[in-house]
Amino acid sequence: MTAGGDGFAAVAGGPAQHIPVLGRPAVDFLDVKDGGIYIDATFGAGGYTRRILDAANANVIGIDRDQSAIARGAGLVEAAQGRLTLIEDRFSNLDNAASECGAAAVDGVVLDLGVSSMQLDRAERGFSFRLDGPLDMRMGESDVDAAGLIATASERDLASIIFTLGEERHSRAVARAIVKARADAPIVTTRALADIVARVVRSRPGDIHPATRTFQALRIFINDELGELAAALAAAERVLKPGGRLVVVSFHSLDDRIVKSFLVERSRIGGGSRHQPEVERPAPTFSVLTKRPVVADETEIAKNPRARSAKLRAAERNDAPARAAMDDLLPRLPSLADIIKGR
């Protein structure tokens, strides 16, 4: 997809590979200013970065754990003429990445959660059941891929992962089918896994593919996406200067729930009621800018169906000290390390 009429294609050194979901409101909420420093913590194809660079004479630190995304951004780095630095890292480490670039504090952080269309569209990455390829799903460098997970995890752990992270109500049947199939032969391709799931999860015409929720769950677990998100929110709180903006675009309820819970807690003032004494709380660190999440309009959805499930939440940092990371944002699941060790 190309950038149509927004002007940022010139900054990018040519047409954009894709239009970022909710790109315009995301940059509007960032309130980009000349001389500001902004972190695009999920660089991907550089869609948000392009818009930030075009909005003002600002500087961007782009972060991505996917080495191929960093490599593809080389042309954008050159076109930005010193205003863009790309770093291969996890976004949970965004405050340290900024420090390495000489930025003790920044003016804005944007997070675009989930898997990119470029990853989905490359069969060899193993993210999609639509394309047959190796069952991988890793966003960055890691020792364990999805094939390794389903070859090792117990039926109980698989069911728990698929139910919790995929919200798949047939999780036990799916886990049972996987364990039965792997006893006959290793499950090493996306098509093999999709076929196994499709045999136990029935769908009607117009429904999502039967394997959608299982693939989502495995991807989230392999990449520790929810743990990364919780850590990234705390890192953003640490690195944003007073008045700095945090913008998060999520695509499913698990991510959005974590973002909402974090912002509610970090913006809460006092507590109690007329029947209960006032609860002493730390000073709020954020002011929420979006009482309700911003969603895509019909025009954007028509151009990009992926935008249908997107929700944008934004907040402004104040001058209260950063707090310790919240330890109650994540669902309770076995760790990948424990599963691979066989506990």
C-alpha atoms as a PDB file:
ATOM      1  CA  MET A   1       0.000   0.000   0.000  1.00  0.00           C
ATOM      2  CA  THR A   2       1.271   3.464  -0.748  1.00  0.00           C
ATOM      3  CA  ALA A   3       1.110   6.735   1.077  1.00  0.00           C
ATOM      4  CA  GLY A   4      -1.488   8.777  -0.690  1.00  0.00           C
ATOM      5  CA  GLY A   5      -1.312  12.536  -0.427  1.00  0.00           C
ATOM      6  CA  ASP A   6       0.006  12.836   3.124  1.00  0.00           C
ATOM      7  CA  GLY A   7       3.432  14.110   2.143  1.00  0.00           C
ATOM      8  CA  PHE A   8       5.483  11.783   4.317  1.00  0.00           C
ATOM      9  CA  ALA A   9       6.480   9.567   1.389  1.00  0.00           C
ATOM     10  CA  ALA A  10       9.050  12.174   0.395  1.00  0.00           C
ATOM     11  CA  VAL A  11      10.670  11.960   3.798  1.00  0.00           C
ATOM     12  CA  ALA A  12      10.690   8.185   3.561  1.00  0.00           C
ATOM     13  CA  GLY A  13      12.616   8.223   0.335  1.00  0.00           C
ATOM     14  CA  GLY A  14       9.733   6.859  -1.713  1.00  0.00           C
ATOM     15  CA  PRO A  15       6.307   5.263  -1.308  1.00  0.00           C
ATOM     16  CA  ALA A  16       5.550   3.709   2.057  1.00  0.00           C
ATOM     17  CA  GLN A  17       5.187  -0.062   2.140  1.00  0.00           C
ATOM     18  CA  HIS A  18       1.997   0.248   4.156  1.00  0.00           C
ATOM     19  CA  ILE A  19      -0.264   2.784   5.800  1.00  0.00           C
ATOM     20  CA  PRO A  20      -0.059   2.559   9.598  1.00  0.00           C
ATOM     21  CA  VAL A  21      -3.359   1.820  11.306  1.00  0.00           C
ATOM     22  CA  LEU A  22      -4.750   4.956  13.001  1.00  0.00           C
ATOM     23  CA  GLY A  23      -1.604   6.743  11.857  1.00  0.00           C
ATOM     24  CA  ARG A  24      -3.077  10.226  11.747  1.00  0.00           C
ATOM     25  CA  PRO A  25      -4.647  10.221  15.242  1.00  0.00           C
ATOM     26  CA  ALA A  26      -1.559   8.501  16.654  1.00  0.00           C
ATOM     27  CA  VAL A  27       0.697  11.329  15.495  1.00  0.00           C
ATOM     28  CA  ASP A  28      -1.883  13.941  16.494  1.00  0.00           C
ATOM     29  CA  PHE A  29      -1.871  12.588  20.054  1.00  0.00           C
ATOM     30  CA  LEU A  30       1.939  12.532  20.088  1.00  0.00           C
ATOM     31  CA  ASP A  31       1.792  16.306  19.462  1.00  0.00           C
ATOM     32  CA  VAL A  32       5.073  16.212  17.536  1.00  0.00           C
ATOM     33  CA  LYS A  33       7.194  19.341  17.885  1.00  0.00           C
ATOM     34  CA  ASP A  34      10.383  20.668  16.299  1.00  0.00           C
ATOM     35  CA  GLY A  35      13.438  19.463  18.176  1.00  0.00           C
ATOM     36  CA  GLY A  36      11.508  16.736  19.996  1.00  0.00           C
ATOM     37  CA  ILE A  37      12.714  13.158  20.412  1.00  0.00           C
ATOM     38  CA  TYR A  38      10.199  10.372  19.792  1.00  0.00           C
ATOM     39  CA  ILE A  39      10.426   6.610  20.093  1.00  0.00           C
ATOM     40  CA  ASP A  40       8.685   4.395  17.544  1.00  0.00           C
ATOM     41  CA  ALA A  41       9.072   1.280  19.652  1.00  0.00           C
ATOM     42  CA  THR A  42       7.563  -1.088  17.057  1.00  0.00           C
ATOM     43  CA  PHE A  43       9.239   0.208  13.900  1.00  0.00           C
ATOM     44  CA  GLY A  44       8.020  -2.477  11.483  1.00  0.00           C
ATOM     45  CA  ALA A  45       7.755  -0.892   8.034  1.00  0.00           C
ATOM     46  CA  GLY A  46       8.327   2.576   9.482  1.00  0.00           C
ATOM     47  CA  GLY A  47       4.798   3.883   8.981  1.00  0.00           C
ATOM     48  CA  TYR A  48       4.545   5.833  12.231  1.00  0.00           C
ATOM     49  CA  THR A  49       8.150   6.984  11.937  1.00  0.00           C
ATOM     50  CA  ARG A  50       7.444   8.468   8.518  1.00  0.00           C
ATOM     51  CA  ARG A  51       4.520  10.432   9.877  1.00  0.00           C
ATOM     52  CA  ILE A  52       6.513  11.719  12.851  1.00  0.00           C
ATOM     53  CA  LEU A  53       9.395  12.827  10.643  1.00  0.00           C
ATOM     54  CA  ASP A  54       6.984  14.590   8.325  1.00  0.00           C
ATOM     55  CA  ALA A  55       5.045  16.308  11.138  1.00  0.00           C
ATOM     56  CA  ALA A  56       7.968  18.417  12.409  1.00  0.00           C
ATOM     57  CA  ASN A  57      11.736  18.755  12.444  1.00  0.00           C
ATOM     58  CA  ALA A  58      11.886  16.057  15.107  1.00  0.00           C
ATOM     59  CA  ASN A  59      14.154  13.074  15.787  1.00  0.00           C
ATOM     60  CA  VAL A  60      13.038   9.458  15.998  1.00  0.00           C
ATOM     61  CA  ILE A  61      14.522   6.395  17.661  1.00  0.00           C
ATOM     62  CA  GLY A  62      13.064   3.342  15.933  1.00  0.00           C
ATOM     63  CA  ILE A  63      13.158  -0.009  17.738  1.00  0.00           C
ATOM     64  CA  ASP A  64      12.337  -3.471  16.418  1.00  0.00           C
ATOM     65  CA  ARG A  65      13.309  -6.930  17.587  1.00  0.00           C
ATOM     66  CA  ASP A  66      13.005  -8.177  13.983  1.00  0.00           C
ATOM     67  CA  GLN A  67      16.380  -7.913  12.275  1.00  0.00           C
ATOM     68  CA  SER A  68      14.787  -7.842   8.825  1.00  0.00           C
ATOM     69  CA  ALA A  69      12.695  -4.779   9.764  1.00  0.00           C
ATOM     70  CA  ILE A  70      15.844  -2.907  10.799  1.00  0.00           C
ATOM     71  CA  ALA A  71      17.556  -3.869   7.570  1.00  0.00           C
ATOM     72  CA  ARG A  72      14.614  -2.690   5.466  1.00  0.00           C
ATOM     73  CA  GLY A  73      14.714   0.667   7.238  1.00  0.00           C
ATOM     74  CA  ALA A  74      18.184   1.575   5.930  1.00  0.00           C
ATOM     75  CA  GLY A  75      16.757   3.705   3.123  1.00  0.00           C
ATOM     76  CA  LEU A  76      14.579   5.630   5.548  1.00  0.00           C
ATOM     77  CA  VAL A  77      17.568   6.291   7.804  1.00  0.00           C
ATOM     78  CA  GLU A  78      19.458   7.736   4.860  1.00  0.00           C
ATOM     79  CA  ALA A  79      16.512   9.856   3.708  1.00  0.00           C
ATOM     80  CA  ALA A  80      15.957  11.230   7.225  1.00  0.00           C
ATOM     81  CA  GLN A  81      19.455  12.792   7.158  1.00  0.00           C
ATOM     82  CA  GLY A  82      20.426  12.237  10.753  1.00  0.00           C
ATOM     83  CA  ARG A  83      16.962  12.451  12.305  1.00  0.00           C
ATOM     84  CA  LEU A  84      16.398   8.688  12.579  1.00  0.00           C
ATOM     85  CA  THR A  85      18.317   6.029  14.493  1.00  0.00           C
ATOM     86  CA  LEU A  86      17.289   2.371  14.258  1.00  0.00           C
ATOM     87  CA  ILE A  87      18.040  -0.122  17.024  1.00  0.00           C
ATOM     88  CA  GLU A  88      17.491  -3.875  17.011  1.00  0.00           C
ATOM     89  CA  ASP A  89      16.056  -4.552  20.450  1.00  0.00           C
ATOM     90  CA  ARG A  90      12.893  -5.485  22.319  1.00  0.00           C
ATOM     91  CA  PHE A  91      10.531  -2.617  23.034  1.00  0.00           C
ATOM     92  CA  SER A  92      10.554  -3.547  26.713  1.00  0.00           C
ATOM     93  CA  ASN A  93      14.074  -2.091  26.660  1.00  0.00           C
ATOM     94  CA  LEU A  94      13.040   1.207  25.065  1.00  0.00           C
ATOM     95  CA  ASP A  95      14.322   3.408  27.895  1.00  0.00           C
ATOM     96  CA  ASN A  96      17.784   1.853  27.722  1.00  0.00           C
ATOM     97  CA  ALA A  97      17.744   2.126  23.934  1.00  0.00           C
ATOM     98  CA  ALA A  98      17.016   5.843  24.244  1.00  0.00           C
ATOM     99  CA  SER A  99      19.845   6.219  26.748  1.00  0.00           C
ATOM    100  CA  GLU A 100      22.253   4.538  24.324  1.00  0.00           C
ATOM    101  CA  CYS A 101      21.270   7.204  21.801  1.00  0.00           C
ATOM    102  CA  GLY A 102      22.065   9.952  24.303  1.00  0.00           C
ATOM    103  CA  ALA A 103      18.427  10.666  25.206  1.00  0.00           C
ATOM    104  CA  ALA A 104      17.820  10.604  28.958  1.00  0.00           C
ATOM    105  CA  ALA A 105      14.185  11.592  28.389  1.00  0.00           C
ATOM    106  CA  VAL A 106      11.931  11.742  25.325  1.00  0.00           C
ATOM    107  CA  ASP A 107       8.846  13.648  24.166  1.00  0.00           C
ATOM    108  CA  GLY A 108       6.773  10.725  22.966  1.00  0.00           C
ATOM    109  CA  VAL A 109       6.498   6.944  22.642  1.00  0.00           C
ATOM    110  CA  VAL A 110       4.263   5.081  20.190  1.00  0.00           C
ATOM    111  CA  LEU A 111       3.582   1.333  20.286  1.00  0.00           C
ATOM    112  CA  ASP A 112       1.826  -0.564  17.482  1.00  0.00           C
ATOM    113  CA  LEU A 113       1.170  -3.998  18.937  1.00  0.00           C
ATOM    114  CA  GLY A 114       0.808  -7.395  17.342  1.00  0.00           C
ATOM    115  CA  VAL A 115       2.267  -8.980  14.241  1.00  0.00           C
ATOM    116  CA  SER A 116       2.993  -6.958  11.112  1.00  0.00           C
ATOM    117  CA  SER A 117       1.554  -7.671   7.681  1.00  0.00           C
ATOM    118  CA  MET A 118       5.106  -8.187   6.400  1.00  0.00           C
ATOM    119  CA  GLN A 119       5.616 -11.017   8.867  1.00  0.00           C
ATOM    120  CA  LEU A 120       2.248 -12.570   8.059  1.00  0.00           C
ATOM    121  CA  ASP A 121       2.882 -12.400   4.329  1.00  0.00           C
ATOM    122  CA  ARG A 122       6.220 -14.248   4.438  1.00  0.00           C
ATOM    123  CA  ALA A 123       5.600 -17.987   4.524  1.00  0.00           C
ATOM    124  CA  GLU A 124       9.084 -18.733   5.869  1.00  0.00           C
ATOM    125  CA  ARG A 125       8.322 -16.799   9.065  1.00  0.00           C
ATOM    126  CA  GLY A 126       5.605 -19.299   9.970  1.00  0.00           C
ATOM    127  CA  PHE A 127       3.078 -16.831  11.380  1.00  0.00           C
ATOM    128  CA  SER A 128       0.153 -17.511   9.082  1.00  0.00           C
ATOM    129  CA  PHE A 129      -2.039 -20.534   8.429  1.00  0.00           C
ATOM    130  CA  ARG A 130      -2.832 -19.024   5.004  1.00  0.00           C
ATOM    131  CA  LEU A 131       0.674 -19.781   3.733  1.00  0.00           C
ATOM    132  CA  ASP A 132       2.402 -23.121   4.208  1.00  0.00           C
ATOM    133  CA  GLY A 133       5.799 -22.742   5.796  1.00  0.00           C
ATOM    134  CA  PRO A 134       7.907 -23.828   8.763  1.00  0.00           C
ATOM    135  CA  LEU A 135       6.115 -23.529  12.090  1.00  0.00           C
ATOM    136  CA  ASP A 136       8.292 -20.741  13.467  1.00  0.00           C
ATOM    137  CA  MET A 137       6.461 -17.546  14.631  1.00  0.00           C
ATOM    138  CA  ARG A 138       9.526 -15.938  16.223  1.00  0.00           C
ATOM    139  CA  MET A 139       9.667 -12.150  15.900  1.00  0.00           C
ATOM    140  CA  GLY A 140      13.325 -11.962  16.844  1.00  0.00           C
ATOM    141  CA  GLU A 141      16.237 -14.176  17.757  1.00  0.00           C
ATOM    142  CA  SER A 142      15.131 -16.986  20.061  1.00  0.00           C
ATOM    143  CA  ASP A 143      16.086 -20.601  20.665  1.00  0.00           C
ATOM    144  CA  VAL A 144      12.515 -21.911  20.688  1.00  0.00           C
ATOM    145  CA  ASP A 145      10.033 -21.726  17.833  1.00  0.00           C
ATOM    146  CA  ALA A 146       6.369 -22.727  17.707  1.00  0.00           C
ATOM    147  CA  ALA A 147       7.227 -26.223  16.468  1.00  0.00           C
ATOM    148  CA  GLY A 148       9.472 -26.696  19.480  1.00  0.00           C
ATOM    149  CA  LEU A 149       6.749 -25.511  21.823  1.00  0.00           C
ATOM    150  CA  ILE A 150       4.033 -27.857  20.592  1.00  0.00           C
ATOM    151  CA  ALA A 151       6.511 -30.746  20.453  1.00  0.00           C
ATOM    152  CA  THR A 152       7.359 -30.304  24.142  1.00  0.00           C
ATOM    153  CA  ALA A 153       4.429 -28.794  26.028  1.00  0.00           C
ATOM    154  CA  SER A 154       2.064 -31.046  27.920  1.00  0.00           C
ATOM    155  CA  GLU A 155      -1.554 -31.318  26.863  1.00  0.00           C
ATOM    156  CA  ARG A 156      -2.559 -29.366  29.965  1.00  0.00           C
ATOM    157  CA  ASP A 157      -0.110 -26.525  29.274  1.00  0.00           C
ATOM    158  CA  LEU A 158      -1.106 -26.339  25.615  1.00  0.00           C
ATOM    159  CA  ALA A 159      -4.780 -26.114  26.556  1.00  0.00           C
ATOM    160  CA  SER A 160      -4.026 -23.376  29.078  1.00  0.00           C
ATOM    161  CA  ILE A 161      -1.998 -21.341  26.581  1.00  0.00           C
ATOM    162  CA  ILE A 162      -4.562 -21.679  23.789  1.00  0.00           C
ATOM    163  CA  PHE A 163      -7.509 -20.866  26.065  1.00  0.00           C
ATOM    164  CA  THR A 164      -5.886 -17.901  27.815  1.00  0.00           C
ATOM    165  CA  LEU A 165      -4.009 -16.253  24.958  1.00  0.00           C
ATOM    166  CA  GLY A 166      -6.236 -17.319  22.078  1.00  0.00           C
ATOM    167  CA  GLU A 167      -9.544 -17.175  23.922  1.00  0.00           C
ATOM    168  CA  GLU A 168     -10.331 -20.448  22.171  1.00  0.00           C
ATOM    169  CA  ARG A 169     -13.257 -22.221  23.872  1.00  0.00           C
ATOM    170  CA  HIS A 170     -12.263 -25.523  22.220  1.00  0.00           C
ATOM    171  CA  SER A 171      -8.746 -25.314  23.680  1.00  0.00           C
ATOM    172  CA  ARG A 172      -8.843 -28.723  25.365  1.00  0.00           C
ATOM    173  CA  ALA A 173      -9.916 -30.459  22.168  1.00  0.00           C
ATOM    174  CA  VAL A 174      -7.222 -28.616  20.202  1.00  0.00           C
ATOM    175  CA  ALA A 175      -4.528 -29.545  22.727  1.00  0.00           C
ATOM    176  CA  ARG A 176      -5.686 -33.173  22.728  1.00  0.00           C
ATOM    177  CA  ALA A 177      -5.563 -33.286  18.922  1.00  0.00           C
ATOM    178  CA  ILE A 178      -2.057 -31.786  18.830  1.00  0.00           C
ATOM    179  CA  VAL A 179      -0.694 -34.282  21.345  1.00  0.00           C
ATOM    180  CA  LYS A 180      -2.291 -37.193  19.478  1.00  0.00           C
ATOM    181  CA  ALA A 181      -0.942 -36.005  16.104  1.00  0.00           C
ATOM    182  CA  ARG A 182       2.609 -35.377  17.341  1.00  0.00           C
ATOM    183  CA  ALA A 183       2.770 -38.966  18.612  1.00  0.00           C
ATOM    184  CA  ASP A 184       2.546 -40.089  14.988  1.00  0.00           C
ATOM    185  CA  ALA A 185       4.838 -37.462  13.416  1.00  0.00           C
ATOM    186  CA  PRO A 186       6.402 -34.105  14.356  1.00  0.00           C
ATOM    187  CA  ILE A 187       4.227 -31.069  13.562  1.00  0.00           C
ATOM    188  CA  VAL A 188       6.634 -28.755  11.767  1.00  0.00           C
ATOM    189  CA  THR A 189       4.587 -26.753   9.223  1.00  0.00           C
ATOM    190  CA  THR A 190       1.854 -24.161   9.508  1.00  0.00           C
ATOM    191  CA  ARG A 191      -0.450 -26.128   7.239  1.00  0.00           C
ATOM    192  CA  ALA A 192      -0.079 -29.303   9.293  1.00  0.00           C
ATOM    193  CA  LEU A 193      -1.043 -27.476  12.480  1.00  0.00           C
ATOM    194  CA  ALA A 194      -3.902 -25.618  10.802  1.00  0.00           C
ATOM    195  CA  ASP A 195      -5.317 -28.890   9.489  1.00  0.00           C
ATOM    196  CA  ILE A 196      -5.142 -30.489  12.923  1.00  0.00           C
ATOM    197  CA  VAL A 197      -7.007 -27.583  14.502  1.00  0.00           C
ATOM    198  CA  ALA A 198      -9.587 -27.454  11.723  1.00  0.00           C
ATOM    199  CA  ARG A 199     -10.549 -31.067  12.416  1.00  0.00           C
ATOM    200  CA  VAL A 200     -11.735 -30.213  15.929  1.00  0.00           C
ATOM    201  CA  VAL A 201     -12.821 -26.583  15.647  1.00  0.00           C
ATOM    202  CA  ARG A 202     -15.788 -26.261  13.311  1.00  0.00           C
ATOM    203  CA  SER A 203     -16.648 -22.985  11.634  1.00  0.00           C
ATOM    204  CA  ARG A 204     -19.520 -21.659   9.593  1.00  0.00           C
ATOM    205  CA  PRO A 205     -19.223 -19.651   6.386  1.00  0.00           C
ATOM    206  CA  GLY A 206     -18.140 -16.129   7.229  1.00  0.00           C
ATOM    207  CA  ASP A 207     -16.432 -17.121  10.486  1.00  0.00           C
ATOM    208  CA  ILE A 208     -12.723 -16.624  11.061  1.00  0.00           C
ATOM    209  CA  HIS A 209     -10.482 -19.557  10.139  1.00  0.00           C
ATOM    210  CA  PRO A 210     -10.688 -22.309  12.789  1.00  0.00           C
ATOM    211  CA  ALA A 211      -6.948 -22.039  13.492  1.00  0.00           C
ATOM    212  CA  THR A 212      -6.924 -18.257  14.035  1.00  0.00           C
ATOM    213  CA  ARG A 213      -7.110 -18.295  17.822  1.00  0.00           C
ATOM    214  CA  THR A 214      -4.641 -21.161  18.231  1.00  0.00           C
ATOM    215  CA  PHE A 215      -2.057 -19.455  16.008  1.00  0.00           C
ATOM    216  CA  GLN A 216      -2.569 -16.193  17.905  1.00  0.00           C
ATOM    217  CA  ALA A 217      -2.026 -17.918  21.244  1.00  0.00           C
ATOM    218  CA  LEU A 218       1.160 -19.684  20.170  1.00  0.00           C
ATOM    219  CA  ARG A 219       2.591 -16.501  18.642  1.00  0.00           C
ATOM    220  CA  ILE A 220       1.880 -14.434  21.737  1.00  0.00           C
ATOM    221  CA  PHE A 221       3.387 -17.092  24.003  1.00  0.00           C
ATOM    222  CA  ILE A 222       6.516 -17.738  21.929  1.00  0.00           C
ATOM    223  CA  ASN A 223       7.319 -14.023  21.793  1.00  0.00           C
ATOM    224  CA  ASP A 224       6.179 -13.215  25.361  1.00  0.00           C
ATOM    225  CA  GLU A 225       4.135 -10.394  23.842  1.00  0.00           C
ATOM    226  CA  LEU A 226       2.107  -9.607  26.953  1.00  0.00           C
ATOM    227  CA  GLY A 227       5.162  -9.576  29.221  1.00  0.00           C
ATOM    228  CA  GLU A 228       6.935  -7.351  26.713  1.00  0.00           C
ATOM    229  CA  LEU A 229       3.977  -4.969  26.654  1.00  0.00           C
ATOM    230  CA  ALA A 230       3.764  -4.663  30.443  1.00  0.00           C
ATOM    231  CA  ALA A 231       7.508  -4.000  30.631  1.00  0.00           C
ATOM    232  CA  ALA A 232       7.342  -1.497  27.754  1.00  0.00           C
ATOM    233  CA  LEU A 233       4.621   0.526  29.475  1.00  0.00           C
ATOM    234  CA  ALA A 234       6.781   0.778  32.595  1.00  0.00           C
ATOM    235  CA  ALA A 235       9.807   1.706  30.458  1.00  0.00           C
ATOM    236  CA  ALA A 236       7.799   4.434  28.719  1.00  0.00           C
ATOM    237  CA  GLU A 237       6.798   5.816  32.105  1.00  0.00           C
ATOM    238  CA  ARG A 238      10.490   5.989  33.064  1.00  0.00           C
ATOM    239  CA  VAL A 239      11.725   7.673  29.883  1.00  0.00           C
ATOM    240  CA  LEU A 240       8.952  10.166  29.088  1.00  0.00           C
ATOM    241  CA  LYS A 241       9.573  13.730  30.233  1.00  0.00           C
ATOM    242  CA  PRO A 242       6.754  15.735  31.878  1.00  0.00           C
ATOM    243  CA  GLY A 243       4.298  16.585  29.112  1.00  0.00           C
ATOM    244  CA  GLY A 244       5.523  13.671  26.989  1.00  0.00           C
ATOM    245  CA  ARG A 245       2.907  11.531  25.289  1.00  0.00           C
ATOM    246  CA  LEU A 246       2.339   7.761  25.233  1.00  0.00           C
ATOM    247  CA  VAL A 247       0.267   6.348  22.353  1.00  0.00           C
ATOM    248  CA  VAL A 248      -0.599   2.649  22.070  1.00  0.00           C
ATOM    249  CA  VAL A 249      -2.463   0.947  19.228  1.00  0.00           C
ATOM    250  CA  SER A 250      -3.663  -2.576  20.046  1.00  0.00           C
ATOM    251  CA  PHE A 251      -5.495  -5.161  17.972  1.00  0.00           C
ATOM    252  CA  HIS A 252      -7.026  -7.608  20.413  1.00  0.00           C
ATOM    253  CA  SER A 253      -8.591  -7.574  23.841  1.00  0.00           C
ATOM    254  CA  LEU A 254      -5.616  -9.034  25.722  1.00  0.00           C
ATOM    255  CA  ASP A 255      -3.319  -6.174  24.750  1.00  0.00           C
ATOM    256  CA  ASP A 256      -5.975  -3.502  25.176  1.00  0.00           C
ATOM    257  CA  ARG A 257      -6.893  -4.798  28.625  1.00  0.00           C
ATOM    258  CA  ILE A 258      -3.292  -4.461  29.795  1.00  0.00           C
ATOM    259  CA  VAL A 259      -2.953  -0.938  28.376  1.00  0.00           C
ATOM    260  CA  LYS A 260      -6.265   0.168  29.863  1.00  0.00           C
ATOM    261  CA  SER A 261      -5.448  -1.320  33.288  1.00  0.00           C
ATOM    262  CA  PHE A 262      -2.026   0.333  33.323  1.00  0.00           C
ATOM    263  CA  LEU A 263      -3.371   3.761  32.417  1.00  0.00           C
ATOM    264  CA  VAL A 264      -6.294   3.532  34.854  1.00  0.00           C
ATOM    265  CA  GLU A 265      -3.951   2.676  37.701  1.00  0.00           C
ATOM    266  CA  ARG A 266      -1.317   5.241  36.773  1.00  0.00           C
ATOM    267  CA  SER A 267      -3.873   8.051  36.453  1.00  0.00           C
ATOM    268  CA  ARG A 268      -5.891   7.218  39.571  1.00  0.00           C
ATOM    269  CA  ILE A 269      -6.162   9.939  42.212  1.00  0.00           C
ATOM    270  CA  GLY A 270      -6.981   8.972  45.788  1.00  0.00           C
ATOM    271  CA  GLY A 271      -9.711   6.460  46.491  1.00  0.00           C
ATOM    272  CA  GLY A 272     -12.353   5.402  48.977  1.00  0.00           C
ATOM    273  CA  SER A 273     -15.913   6.651  49.377  1.00  0.00           C
ATOM    274  CA  ARG A 274     -18.158   8.276  51.995  1.00  0.00           C
ATOM    275  CA  HIS A 275     -18.320   4.855  53.694  1.00  0.00           C
ATOM    276  CA  GLN A 276     -14.600   4.148  53.511  1.00  0.00           C
ATOM    277  CA  PRO A 277     -11.562   6.232  54.467  1.00  0.00           C
ATOM    278  CA  GLU A 278      -9.543   7.851  51.692  1.00  0.00           C
ATOM    279  CA  VAL A 279      -6.985   5.428  50.255  1.00  0.00           C
ATOM    280  CA  GLU A 280      -3.467   6.816  50.165  1.00  0.00           C
ATOM    281  CA  ARG A 281      -2.045   6.332  46.697  1.00  0.00           C
ATOM    282  CA  PRO A 282       1.137   7.368  44.959  1.00  0.00           C
ATOM    283  CA  ALA A 283       0.814  10.510  42.858  1.00  0.00           C
ATOM    284  CA  PRO A 284      -0.543   9.754  39.368  1.00  0.00           C
ATOM    285  CA  THR A 285       2.119   9.544  36.665  1.00  0.00           C
ATOM    286  CA  PHE A 286      -0.183   9.972  33.650  1.00  0.00           C
ATOM    287  CA  SER A 287      -3.243  11.919  32.604  1.00  0.00           C
ATOM    288  CA  VAL A 288      -5.385   9.899  30.208  1.00  0.00           C
ATOM    289  CA  LEU A 289      -6.189  11.706  26.948  1.00  0.00           C
ATOM    290  CA  THR A 290      -8.651   9.142  25.572  1.00  0.00           C
ATOM    291  CA  LYS A 291     -11.660   8.531  27.813  1.00  0.00           C
ATOM    292  CA  ARG A 292     -12.714   5.926  25.272  1.00  0.00           C
ATOM    293  CA  PRO A 293     -10.360   4.205  22.846  1.00  0.00           C
ATOM    294  CA  VAL A 294     -10.094   5.787  19.402  1.00  0.00           C
ATOM    295  CA  VAL A 295     -11.157   3.414  16.619  1.00  0.00           C
ATOM    296  CA  ALA A 296     -10.849   3.536  12.852  1.00  0.00           C
ATOM    297  CA  ASP A 297     -13.610   5.056  10.763  1.00  0.00           C
ATOM    298  CA  GLU A 298     -15.299   3.244   7.894  1.00  0.00           C
ATOM    299  CA  THR A 299     -13.068   4.900   5.313  1.00  0.00           C
ATOM    300  CA  GLU A 300      -9.904   3.557   6.927  1.00  0.00           C
ATOM    301  CA  ILE A 301     -11.427   0.128   7.462  1.00  0.00           C
ATOM    302  CA  ALA A 302     -12.384  -0.045   3.784  1.00  0.00           C
ATOM    303  CA  LYS A 303      -8.762   0.679   2.820  1.00  0.00           C
ATOM    304  CA  ASN A 304      -7.253  -1.557   5.481  1.00  0.00           C
ATOM    305  CA  PRO A 305      -9.475  -4.292   7.012  1.00  0.00           C
ATOM    306  CA  ARG A 306      -6.845  -4.865   9.732  1.00  0.00           C
ATOM    307  CA  ALA A 307      -7.917  -1.540  11.213  1.00  0.00           C
ATOM    308  CA  ARG A 308     -11.333  -2.954  12.159  1.00  0.00           C
ATOM    309  CA  SER A 309     -10.107  -4.306  15.496  1.00  0.00           C
ATOM    310  CA  ALA A 310      -7.657  -1.498  16.314  1.00  0.00           C
ATOM    311  CA  LYS A 311      -7.981   0.591  19.483  1.00  0.00           C
ATOM    312  CA  LEU A 312      -5.838   3.605  20.296  1.00  0.00           C
ATOM    313  CA  ARG A 313      -5.234   4.829  23.835  1.00  0.00           C
ATOM    314  CA  ALA A 314      -3.130   7.861  24.728  1.00  0.00           C
ATOM    315  CA  ALA A 315      -1.901   9.555  27.877  1.00  0.00           C
ATOM    316  CA  GLU A 316       0.331  12.448  28.912  1.00  0.00           C
ATOM    317  CA  ARG A 317       3.150  12.057  31.430  1.00  0.00           C
ATOM    318  CA  ASN A 318       3.252  14.391  34.395  1.00  0.00           C
ATOM    319  CA  ASP A 319       6.106  15.155  36.791  1.00  0.00           C
ATOM    320  CA  ALA A 320       5.436  12.443  39.417  1.00  0.00           C
ATOM    321  CA  PRO A 321       8.256   9.895  39.870  1.00  0.00           C
ATOM    322  CA  ALA A 322       7.981   6.666  37.896  1.00  0.00           C
ATOM    323  CA  ARG A 323       6.700   3.715  39.899  1.00  0.00           C
ATOM    324  CA  ALA A 324       7.682   0.074  40.031  1.00  0.00           C
ATOM    325  CA  ALA A 325       6.321  -2.110  37.238  1.00  0.00           C
ATOM    326  CA  MET A 326       2.849  -3.543  37.891  1.00  0.00           C
ATOM    327  CA  ASP A 327       3.035  -7.272  38.588  1.00  0.00           C
ATOM    328  CA  ASP A 328      -0.679  -8.016  38.238  1.00  0.00           C
ATOM    329  CA  LEU A 329      -1.193  -7.174  34.571  1.00  0.00           C
ATOM    330  CA  LEU A 330      -0.381 -10.606  33.162  1.00  0.00           C
ATOM    331  CA  PRO A 331      -2.332 -13.887  33.099  1.00  0.00           C
ATOM    332  CA  ARG A 332      -0.835 -16.799  34.996  1.00  0.00           C
ATOM    333  CA  LEU A 333       0.751 -19.268  32.597  1.00  0.00           C
ATOM    334  CA  PRO A 334       3.687 -21.677  32.644  1.00  0.00           C
ATOM    335  CA  SER A 335       6.938 -20.133  31.460  1.00  0.00           C
ATOM    336  CA  LEU A 336       8.429 -21.119  28.123  1.00  0.00           C
ATOM    337  CA  ALA A 337      11.690 -22.029  29.869  1.00  0.00           C
ATOM    338  CA  ASP A 338       9.876 -24.432  32.206  1.00  0.00           C
ATOM    339  CA  ILE A 339       8.004 -26.067  29.339  1.00  0.00           C
ATOM    340  CA  ILE A 340      11.162 -26.651  27.322  1.00  0.00           C
ATOM    341  CA  LYS A 341      12.948 -28.057  30.385  1.00  0.00           C
ATOM    342  CA  GLY A 342      10.035 -30.431  30.815  1.00  0.00           C
ATOM    343  CA  ARG A 343       9.641 -29.394  34.435  1.00  0.00           C
END
